[in-house]
Amino acid sequence: MERVYAIGGFNGAAVLASVECYDPATNEWQHLTNMVTQRSGCKAAVLEDRIYVLGGYDGAERLRSVECFTPGQGPNSRLQWHRVADMLEPRSNFSVAVMEGRLVVTGGYMQEEGEEGSVCAEVEVYCPATNRWSRGKALQVARSALTSAMVPSWSLL
């Protein structure tokens, strides 16, 4: 059964690590196990049977960390979030899409600790089989607060 997960964010006073799940069968939201790290401006994607939450901002700095959750597996459906390989760059307000069994992260706002941040064109690709990130071909135009979509069978070109 399909469900919607509301993950992290900002409530007007604090950055959140909380996770809620909407069950359409009961028309209810249920609180699940919190993430390891509080984050807003992060992105989430489903790849295979896992939810990945990437990057964002913890209230003090941009994040490169990535967390993973496998919902509804085994007798205890409240499995813990766990870390997987960090992205290559700390960023928020980027885009993520799933393509060919990989996560593709594009653009965003990057900021190393103690440095002034900037909008970026960098692309990173995550392979869950190897738990590694690699650099992809950069966007032609740096952009933040963007979105992306993987379209399987047609091209605009």
Foldseek 3Di string as FASTA:
>chain_A
DDKDKDAWADDPPATFQWIWIADPVVRDIDTAAGAPAGFHLWDWDDFDQKIKIAWHDHPQFTFQWIWIARAPPDPDRRDYIDTFDGHPFGFGQWEWEDDPRKIKIAWGWTDDPPDDIDTFQWIWIAHPVVSDIDTDDGDPDGDGNDYDYDDPDDDPD
